[in-house]
PDB file of N, CA and C in Angstrom:
ATOM      1  N   UNK A   1      21.268  -3.536  -3.504  1.00  0.00           N
ATOM      2  CA  UNK A   1      20.839  -4.003  -4.920  1.00  0.00           C
ATOM      3  C   UNK A   1      21.224  -3.073  -5.693  1.00  0.00           C
ATOM      4  N   UNK A   2      21.583  -3.031  -6.747  1.00  0.00           N
ATOM      5  CA  UNK A   2      21.619  -1.912  -7.757  1.00  0.00           C
ATOM      6  C   UNK A   2      20.845  -1.951  -8.904  1.00  0.00           C
ATOM      7  N   UNK A   3      20.484  -0.445  -9.112  1.00  0.00           N
ATOM      8  CA  UNK A   3      19.220  -0.721 -10.099  1.00  0.00           C
ATOM      9  C   UNK A   3      19.495   0.451 -10.677  1.00  0.00           C
ATOM     10  N   UNK A   4      19.448   0.151 -12.026  1.00  0.00           N
ATOM     11  CA  UNK A   4      19.979   1.554 -13.220  1.00  0.00           C
ATOM     12  C   UNK A   4      18.162   2.271 -13.125  1.00  0.00           C
ATOM     13  N   UNK A   5      18.569   3.718 -12.910  1.00  0.00           N
ATOM     14  CA  UNK A   5      17.406   4.387 -12.701  1.00  0.00           C
ATOM     15  C   UNK A   5      17.741   5.468 -13.908  1.00  0.00           C
ATOM     16  N   UNK A   6      16.956   5.289 -14.684  1.00  0.00           N
ATOM     17  CA  UNK A   6      16.540   6.480 -16.055  1.00  0.00           C
ATOM     18  C   UNK A   6      15.360   7.764 -15.766  1.00  0.00           C
ATOM     19  N   UNK A   7      15.764   8.436 -15.858  1.00  0.00           N
ATOM     20  CA  UNK A   7      15.131   9.979 -15.794  1.00  0.00           C
ATOM     21  C   UNK A   7      14.758  10.911 -17.280  1.00  0.00           C
ATOM     22  N   UNK A   8      13.643  11.048 -17.355  1.00  0.00           N
ATOM     23  CA  UNK A   8      13.228  11.541 -18.762  1.00  0.00           C
ATOM     24  C   UNK A   8      12.950  13.022 -18.990  1.00  0.00           C
ATOM     25  N   UNK A   9      13.259  13.803 -19.514  1.00  0.00           N
ATOM     26  CA  UNK A   9      12.531  15.162 -19.481  1.00  0.00           C
ATOM     27  C   UNK A   9      13.000  15.883 -18.415  1.00  0.00           C
ATOM     28  N   UNK A  10      12.006  16.962 -17.894  1.00  0.00           N
ATOM     29  CA  UNK A  10      12.162  17.590 -16.711  1.00  0.00           C
ATOM     30  C   UNK A  10      12.633  16.990 -15.608  1.00  0.00           C
ATOM     31  N   UNK A  11      12.613  15.893 -15.492  1.00  0.00           N
ATOM     32  CA  UNK A  11      13.008  14.875 -14.108  1.00  0.00           C
ATOM     33  C   UNK A  11      14.804  15.187 -14.233  1.00  0.00           C
ATOM     34  N   UNK A  12      15.102  15.266 -15.534  1.00  0.00           N
ATOM     35  CA  UNK A  12      16.715  15.184 -15.294  1.00  0.00           C
ATOM     36  C   UNK A  12      17.309  16.830 -15.151  1.00  0.00           C
ATOM     37  N   UNK A  13      16.127  17.838 -15.163  1.00  0.00           N
ATOM     38  CA  UNK A  13      17.099  18.724 -14.361  1.00  0.00           C
ATOM     39  C   UNK A  13      17.339  18.904 -13.105  1.00  0.00           C
ATOM     40  N   UNK A  14      18.667  19.050 -12.803  1.00  0.00           N
ATOM     41  CA  UNK A  14      19.495  19.134 -11.582  1.00  0.00           C
ATOM     42  C   UNK A  14      19.791  17.563 -11.128  1.00  0.00           C
ATOM     43  N   UNK A  15      19.503  16.844 -11.852  1.00  0.00           N
ATOM     44  CA  UNK A  15      19.454  15.063 -11.121  1.00  0.00           C
ATOM     45  C   UNK A  15      20.503  14.688 -12.554  1.00  0.00           C
ATOM     46  N   UNK A  16      20.213  13.840 -13.170  1.00  0.00           N
ATOM     47  CA  UNK A  16      21.136  13.053 -13.848  1.00  0.00           C
ATOM     48  C   UNK A  16      19.954  12.397 -15.284  1.00  0.00           C
ATOM     49  N   UNK A  17      20.548  11.699 -16.375  1.00  0.00           N
ATOM     50  CA  UNK A  17      19.909  11.022 -17.131  1.00  0.00           C
ATOM     51  C   UNK A  17      19.669   9.733 -16.842  1.00  0.00           C
ATOM     52  N   UNK A  18      20.902   9.190 -16.659  1.00  0.00           N
ATOM     53  CA  UNK A  18      20.914   7.673 -16.584  1.00  0.00           C
ATOM     54  C   UNK A  18      22.025   7.496 -15.067  1.00  0.00           C
ATOM     55  N   UNK A  19      21.698   6.706 -13.942  1.00  0.00           N
ATOM     56  CA  UNK A  19      22.509   6.250 -12.970  1.00  0.00           C
ATOM     57  C   UNK A  19      22.081   5.017 -12.560  1.00  0.00           C
ATOM     58  N   UNK A  20      23.510   4.173 -12.046  1.00  0.00           N
ATOM     59  CA  UNK A  20      23.381   3.133 -11.443  1.00  0.00           C
ATOM     60  C   UNK A  20      23.493   3.291  -9.990  1.00  0.00           C
ATOM     61  N   UNK A  21      22.068   3.278  -9.198  1.00  0.00           N
ATOM     62  CA  UNK A  21      22.269   3.529  -7.575  1.00  0.00           C
ATOM     63  C   UNK A  21      21.800   2.309  -6.977  1.00  0.00           C
ATOM     64  N   UNK A  22      22.077   2.415  -5.957  1.00  0.00           N
ATOM     65  CA  UNK A  22      22.192   1.245  -4.667  1.00  0.00           C
ATOM     66  C   UNK A  22      21.083   1.401  -3.565  1.00  0.00           C
ATOM     67  N   UNK A  23      20.188   0.244  -3.798  1.00  0.00           N
ATOM     68  CA  UNK A  23      19.069   0.647  -2.686  1.00  0.00           C
ATOM     69  C   UNK A  23      19.084  -0.918  -1.684  1.00  0.00           C
ATOM     70  N   UNK A  24      18.609  -0.649  -0.590  1.00  0.00           N
ATOM     71  CA  UNK A  24      18.211  -1.991   0.357  1.00  0.00           C
ATOM     72  C   UNK A  24      17.109  -2.727  -0.423  1.00  0.00           C
ATOM     73  N   UNK A  25      17.428  -4.127  -0.208  1.00  0.00           N
ATOM     74  CA  UNK A  25      16.259  -5.037  -0.522  1.00  0.00           C
ATOM     75  C   UNK A  25      15.060  -4.558  -0.167  1.00  0.00           C
ATOM     76  N   UNK A  26      13.716  -4.629  -1.218  1.00  0.00           N
ATOM     77  CA  UNK A  26      12.762  -4.090  -0.936  1.00  0.00           C
ATOM     78  C   UNK A  26      12.139  -2.843  -1.261  1.00  0.00           C
ATOM     79  N   UNK A  27      13.233  -2.115  -1.723  1.00  0.00           N
ATOM     80  CA  UNK A  27      12.893  -0.648  -2.192  1.00  0.00           C
ATOM     81  C   UNK A  27      11.786  -0.708  -3.128  1.00  0.00           C
ATOM     82  N   UNK A  28      10.769   0.308  -2.823  1.00  0.00           N
ATOM     83  CA  UNK A  28       9.766   0.494  -3.929  1.00  0.00           C
ATOM     84  C   UNK A  28      10.238   1.559  -4.854  1.00  0.00           C
ATOM     85  N   UNK A  29       9.256   1.819  -5.910  1.00  0.00           N
ATOM     86  CA  UNK A  29       9.229   2.718  -6.756  1.00  0.00           C
ATOM     87  C   UNK A  29       9.038   3.953  -6.095  1.00  0.00           C
ATOM     88  N   UNK A  30       8.179   4.150  -5.245  1.00  0.00           N
ATOM     89  CA  UNK A  30       7.760   5.273  -4.399  1.00  0.00           C
ATOM     90  C   UNK A  30       8.958   6.004  -3.368  1.00  0.00           C
ATOM     91  N   UNK A  31       9.634   4.818  -3.143  1.00  0.00           N
ATOM     92  CA  UNK A  31      10.942   5.197  -2.071  1.00  0.00           C
ATOM     93  C   UNK A  31      12.094   6.323  -3.264  1.00  0.00           C
ATOM     94  N   UNK A  32      12.261   5.743  -4.441  1.00  0.00           N
ATOM     95  CA  UNK A  32      13.271   6.235  -5.211  1.00  0.00           C
ATOM     96  C   UNK A  32      12.512   7.820  -5.928  1.00  0.00           C
ATOM     97  N   UNK A  33      11.331   7.491  -5.864  1.00  0.00           N
ATOM     98  CA  UNK A  33      10.336   9.043  -6.280  1.00  0.00           C
ATOM     99  C   UNK A  33      11.006  10.029  -5.254  1.00  0.00           C
ATOM    100  N   UNK A  34      10.643   9.496  -4.198  1.00  0.00           N
ATOM    101  CA  UNK A  34      10.714  10.399  -2.749  1.00  0.00           C
ATOM    102  C   UNK A  34      12.046  10.745  -2.544  1.00  0.00           C
ATOM    103  N   UNK A  35      12.930   9.933  -2.867  1.00  0.00           N
ATOM    104  CA  UNK A  35      14.530  10.372  -2.646  1.00  0.00           C
ATOM    105  C   UNK A  35      14.975  11.370  -3.787  1.00  0.00           C
ATOM    106  N   UNK A  36      14.653  11.160  -4.870  1.00  0.00           N
ATOM    107  CA  UNK A  36      14.944  12.170  -5.951  1.00  0.00           C
ATOM    108  C   UNK A  36      14.009  13.478  -5.960  1.00  0.00           C
ATOM    109  N   UNK A  37      13.181  13.838  -4.778  1.00  0.00           N
ATOM    110  CA  UNK A  37      12.475  14.897  -4.555  1.00  0.00           C
ATOM    111  C   UNK A  37      11.478  15.135  -6.189  1.00  0.00           C
ATOM    112  N   UNK A  38      11.075  13.951  -6.535  1.00  0.00           N
ATOM    113  CA  UNK A  38      10.107  14.602  -7.811  1.00  0.00           C
ATOM    114  C   UNK A  38       8.588  14.479  -7.603  1.00  0.00           C
ATOM    115  N   UNK A  39       8.060  15.406  -7.616  1.00  0.00           N
ATOM    116  CA  UNK A  39       6.697  15.542  -7.084  1.00  0.00           C
ATOM    117  C   UNK A  39       5.646  14.398  -7.740  1.00  0.00           C
ATOM    118  N   UNK A  40       4.871  14.053  -6.675  1.00  0.00           N
ATOM    119  CA  UNK A  40       4.236  13.073  -7.341  1.00  0.00           C
ATOM    120  C   UNK A  40       3.001  13.424  -8.473  1.00  0.00           C
ATOM    121  N   UNK A  41       2.402  14.548  -8.708  1.00  0.00           N
ATOM    122  CA  UNK A  41       1.905  15.134  -9.655  1.00  0.00           C
ATOM    123  C   UNK A  41       2.138  15.281 -10.866  1.00  0.00           C
ATOM    124  N   UNK A  42       3.502  15.390 -10.893  1.00  0.00           N
ATOM    125  CA  UNK A  42       4.445  15.053 -12.225  1.00  0.00           C
ATOM    126  C   UNK A  42       4.302  13.718 -12.788  1.00  0.00           C
ATOM    127  N   UNK A  43       4.641  13.070 -12.006  1.00  0.00           N
ATOM    128  CA  UNK A  43       5.204  11.587 -12.466  1.00  0.00           C
ATOM    129  C   UNK A  43       3.845  10.697 -13.188  1.00  0.00           C
ATOM    130  N   UNK A  44       4.207  10.668 -14.524  1.00  0.00           N
ATOM    131  CA  UNK A  44       3.468  10.060 -15.585  1.00  0.00           C
ATOM    132  C   UNK A  44       3.420   8.506 -15.705  1.00  0.00           C
ATOM    133  N   UNK A  45       4.513   7.981 -16.310  1.00  0.00           N
ATOM    134  CA  UNK A  45       4.699   6.843 -16.486  1.00  0.00           C
ATOM    135  C   UNK A  45       5.928   6.092 -15.759  1.00  0.00           C
ATOM    136  N   UNK A  46       5.676   5.205 -15.344  1.00  0.00           N
ATOM    137  CA  UNK A  46       6.789   4.135 -14.766  1.00  0.00           C
ATOM    138  C   UNK A  46       6.806   2.813 -15.215  1.00  0.00           C
ATOM    139  N   UNK A  47       8.336   2.644 -15.517  1.00  0.00           N
ATOM    140  CA  UNK A  47       8.588   1.058 -16.262  1.00  0.00           C
ATOM    141  C   UNK A  47       9.536   0.519 -15.549  1.00  0.00           C
ATOM    142  N   UNK A  48       9.414  -0.626 -15.293  1.00  0.00           N
ATOM    143  CA  UNK A  48      10.692  -1.364 -14.923  1.00  0.00           C
ATOM    144  C   UNK A  48      10.771  -2.627 -15.730  1.00  0.00           C
ATOM    145  N   UNK A  49      11.923  -2.192 -16.030  1.00  0.00           N
ATOM    146  CA  UNK A  49      12.621  -3.324 -17.407  1.00  0.00           C
ATOM    147  C   UNK A  49      11.848  -3.279 -18.614  1.00  0.00           C
ATOM    148  N   UNK A  50      11.192  -1.708 -19.032  1.00  0.00           N
ATOM    149  CA  UNK A  50      10.490  -1.642 -20.048  1.00  0.00           C
ATOM    150  C   UNK A  50       8.866  -2.297 -20.193  1.00  0.00           C
ATOM    151  N   UNK A  51       8.158  -2.386 -18.855  1.00  0.00           N
ATOM    152  CA  UNK A  51       7.154  -3.017 -18.667  1.00  0.00           C
ATOM    153  C   UNK A  51       6.258  -2.053 -17.744  1.00  0.00           C
ATOM    154  N   UNK A  52       5.298  -1.447 -17.944  1.00  0.00           N
ATOM    155  CA  UNK A  52       4.655  -0.340 -17.173  1.00  0.00           C
ATOM    156  C   UNK A  52       4.301  -1.124 -15.517  1.00  0.00           C
ATOM    157  N   UNK A  53       4.692  -0.181 -14.590  1.00  0.00           N
ATOM    158  CA  UNK A  53       4.752  -0.509 -13.140  1.00  0.00           C
ATOM    159  C   UNK A  53       3.857   0.564 -12.327  1.00  0.00           C
ATOM    160  N   UNK A  54       3.616   0.386 -11.329  1.00  0.00           N
ATOM    161  CA  UNK A  54       3.301   1.530 -10.397  1.00  0.00           C
ATOM    162  C   UNK A  54       4.221   1.930  -9.181  1.00  0.00           C
ATOM    163  N   UNK A  55       3.852   2.863  -8.725  1.00  0.00           N
ATOM    164  CA  UNK A  55       4.789   3.182  -7.929  1.00  0.00           C
ATOM    165  C   UNK A  55       5.128   2.523  -6.095  1.00  0.00           C
ATOM    166  N   UNK A  56       4.056   1.428  -5.985  1.00  0.00           N
ATOM    167  CA  UNK A  56       4.134   0.657  -5.033  1.00  0.00           C
ATOM    168  C   UNK A  56       4.855  -0.782  -5.277  1.00  0.00           C
ATOM    169  N   UNK A  57       5.001  -0.622  -6.918  1.00  0.00           N
ATOM    170  CA  UNK A  57       6.069  -2.220  -7.103  1.00  0.00           C
ATOM    171  C   UNK A  57       7.559  -1.902  -6.367  1.00  0.00           C
ATOM    172  N   UNK A  58       7.981  -3.289  -5.879  1.00  0.00           N
ATOM    173  CA  UNK A  58       9.298  -3.047  -5.510  1.00  0.00           C
ATOM    174  C   UNK A  58      10.261  -3.607  -6.520  1.00  0.00           C
ATOM    175  N   UNK A  59      11.464  -2.926  -6.256  1.00  0.00           N
ATOM    176  CA  UNK A  59      12.443  -3.025  -7.480  1.00  0.00           C
ATOM    177  C   UNK A  59      13.526  -4.581  -6.731  1.00  0.00           C
ATOM    178  N   UNK A  60      13.942  -4.949  -7.958  1.00  0.00           N
ATOM    179  CA  UNK A  60      15.093  -6.159  -7.249  1.00  0.00           C
ATOM    180  C   UNK A  60      16.256  -6.082  -8.117  1.00  0.00           C
ATOM    181  N   UNK A  61      17.353  -6.620  -7.655  1.00  0.00           N
ATOM    182  CA  UNK A  61      18.696  -6.536  -8.021  1.00  0.00           C
ATOM    183  C   UNK A  61      18.649  -6.868  -9.707  1.00  0.00           C
ATOM    184  N   UNK A  62      19.081  -5.578 -10.335  1.00  0.00           N
ATOM    185  CA  UNK A  62      19.321  -5.447 -12.020  1.00  0.00           C
ATOM    186  C   UNK A  62      18.483  -5.031 -12.537  1.00  0.00           C
ATOM    187  N   UNK A  63      17.150  -4.573 -11.622  1.00  0.00           N
ATOM    188  CA  UNK A  63      16.379  -3.688 -12.706  1.00  0.00           C
ATOM    189  C   UNK A  63      16.738  -2.590 -13.117  1.00  0.00           C
ATOM    190  N   UNK A  64      16.124  -2.253 -14.038  1.00  0.00           N
ATOM    191  CA  UNK A  64      16.212  -0.750 -14.938  1.00  0.00           C
ATOM    192  C   UNK A  64      14.706  -0.148 -14.515  1.00  0.00           C
ATOM    193  N   UNK A  65      14.877   1.069 -13.988  1.00  0.00           N
ATOM    194  CA  UNK A  65      13.831   1.792 -13.481  1.00  0.00           C
ATOM    195  C   UNK A  65      13.518   3.052 -14.572  1.00  0.00           C
ATOM    196  N   UNK A  66      12.791   3.364 -15.247  1.00  0.00           N
ATOM    197  CA  UNK A  66      12.476   4.661 -15.863  1.00  0.00           C
ATOM    198  C   UNK A  66      11.308   5.313 -15.659  1.00  0.00           C
ATOM    199  N   UNK A  67      11.443   6.398 -15.436  1.00  0.00           N
ATOM    200  CA  UNK A  67      10.402   7.362 -14.707  1.00  0.00           C
ATOM    201  C   UNK A  67      10.041   8.422 -15.945  1.00  0.00           C
ATOM    202  N   UNK A  68       8.854   8.602 -16.512  1.00  0.00           N
ATOM    203  CA  UNK A  68       8.781   9.515 -16.999  1.00  0.00           C
ATOM    204  C   UNK A  68       7.809  10.649 -16.408  1.00  0.00           C
ATOM    205  N   UNK A  69       7.716  11.950 -17.230  1.00  0.00           N
ATOM    206  CA  UNK A  69       6.881  12.859 -16.740  1.00  0.00           C
ATOM    207  C   UNK A  69       5.621  12.930 -17.739  1.00  0.00           C
ATOM    208  N   UNK A  70       4.244  13.740 -17.114  1.00  0.00           N
ATOM    209  CA  UNK A  70       3.297  13.771 -17.736  1.00  0.00           C
ATOM    210  C   UNK A  70       3.662  14.671 -19.241  1.00  0.00           C
ATOM    211  N   UNK A  71       2.949  14.337 -19.969  1.00  0.00           N
ATOM    212  CA  UNK A  71       3.372  15.041 -21.166  1.00  0.00           C
ATOM    213  C   UNK A  71       2.407  16.085 -21.527  1.00  0.00           C
ATOM    214  N   UNK A  72       2.489  17.617 -21.560  1.00  0.00           N
ATOM    215  CA  UNK A  72       1.547  18.611 -21.634  1.00  0.00           C
ATOM    216  C   UNK A  72       1.588  18.758 -23.101  1.00  0.00           C
ATOM    217  N   UNK A  73       0.470  19.261 -23.538  1.00  0.00           N
ATOM    218  CA  UNK A  73       0.016  19.628 -25.022  1.00  0.00           C
ATOM    219  C   UNK A  73      -0.882  19.097 -25.928  1.00  0.00           C
ATOM    220  N   UNK A  74      -0.661  19.372 -27.123  1.00  0.00           N
ATOM    221  CA  UNK A  74      -1.809  18.601 -28.081  1.00  0.00           C
ATOM    222  C   UNK A  74      -2.318  19.380 -28.847  1.00  0.00           C
TER     223      UNK A  74
END
């Protein structure tokens, strides 16, 4: 299945901003996070098709996954 993966902020360093990636059916968000070597403590927001999601959620063909880091400051 094809999933568009969008990375925001520091997650783009050494990776990409947006890419269409191929994954087997039943792939979870956590599997994608692990493959991209994104440290779990840095992962802030997960969106699937612009809807808040969790790392345990499964992806489907045609989905858009957006991974955003925690934002520090204030």
